[in-house]
Amino acid sequence: MQTVTVSPKYQVVIPKQIRETLKLKPGQKMRIIEYDNRIELIPDCDISELRGFLKGIDTAFNRERDRV
């Protein structure tokens, strides 16, 4: 776990290792959520980046008749 400091302008710097792992870019939008007394940052991504992320998912299950 890494520690960051909140600046007088309430800004924080995302550590380099995390930026590189998540492939964050300057100016990239992020969503911020307050949950259970903590802050979560979620990178926004372009819808085209999601193409194929469900490849190989098992869709063999019984559906309700009105959902077919």
Protein backbone atom coordinates (compact mmCIF):
# COMPACT_ATOMS: atom_id res chain seq x y z
CA MET A 1 0.00 0.00 0.00
CA GLN A 2 1.34 3.40 -0.93
CA THR A 3 0.71 6.71 0.80
CA VAL A 4 -0.06 10.04 -0.86
CA THR A 5 -0.42 13.53 0.60
CA VAL A 6 -3.32 15.89 -0.01
CA SER A 7 -1.98 19.29 -1.13
CA PRO A 8 -3.34 22.63 0.14
CA LYS A 9 -5.45 22.67 -3.07
CA TYR A 10 -6.84 19.19 -2.19
CA GLN A 11 -4.86 17.52 -4.98
CA VAL A 12 -3.11 14.15 -4.83
CA VAL A 13 -0.49 12.57 -7.10
CA ILE A 14 -1.12 9.02 -8.28
CA PRO A 15 2.14 7.09 -7.76
CA LYS A 16 4.09 6.23 -10.92
CA GLN A 17 3.82 2.47 -10.45
CA ILE A 18 0.02 2.68 -10.33
CA ARG A 19 -0.14 5.09 -13.31
CA GLU A 20 1.95 2.70 -15.38
CA THR A 21 0.05 -0.42 -14.31
CA LEU A 22 -3.32 1.17 -15.16
CA LYS A 23 -1.91 2.91 -18.27
CA LEU A 24 -3.25 6.29 -17.12
CA LYS A 25 -2.60 9.31 -19.31
CA PRO A 26 -2.47 13.04 -18.49
CA GLY A 27 -5.90 14.61 -18.81
CA GLN A 28 -7.69 11.27 -18.55
CA LYS A 29 -11.10 11.48 -16.85
CA MET A 30 -11.77 9.48 -13.71
CA ARG A 31 -14.91 8.81 -11.74
CA ILE A 32 -14.72 9.28 -8.00
CA ILE A 33 -16.88 7.41 -5.53
CA GLU A 34 -17.12 7.77 -1.76
CA TYR A 35 -17.95 4.34 -0.38
CA ASP A 36 -17.82 2.97 3.14
CA ASN A 37 -15.65 5.86 4.40
CA ARG A 38 -13.10 5.57 1.59
CA ILE A 39 -12.48 7.16 -1.82
CA GLU A 40 -12.32 5.11 -5.02
CA LEU A 41 -11.07 6.46 -8.36
CA ILE A 42 -12.24 4.63 -11.47
CA PRO A 43 -10.64 5.46 -14.84
CA ASP A 44 -13.16 6.35 -17.53
CA CYS A 45 -12.51 4.47 -20.73
CA ASP A 46 -13.78 4.82 -24.25
CA ILE A 47 -16.54 2.38 -25.15
CA SER A 48 -14.39 1.03 -27.99
CA GLU A 49 -11.83 -0.18 -25.43
CA LEU A 50 -14.44 -2.57 -24.02
CA ARG A 51 -14.80 -4.49 -27.27
CA GLY A 52 -14.11 -8.19 -26.67
CA PHE A 53 -13.78 -8.00 -22.88
CA LEU A 54 -16.47 -10.68 -22.47
CA LYS A 55 -14.85 -13.05 -24.97
CA GLY A 56 -15.17 -16.64 -23.80
CA ILE A 57 -17.95 -15.97 -21.28
CA ASP A 58 -20.20 -18.97 -20.65
CA THR A 59 -23.72 -18.12 -21.83
CA ALA A 60 -25.08 -21.65 -21.38
CA PHE A 61 -27.66 -21.18 -18.64
CA ASN A 62 -31.43 -21.48 -18.42
CA ARG A 63 -33.29 -18.22 -18.94
CA GLU A 64 -36.75 -17.37 -17.78
CA ARG A 65 -39.26 -17.83 -20.62
CA ASP A 66 -40.07 -14.12 -20.85
CA ARG A 67 -36.36 -13.27 -21.22
CA VAL A 68 -35.62 -15.38 -24.29
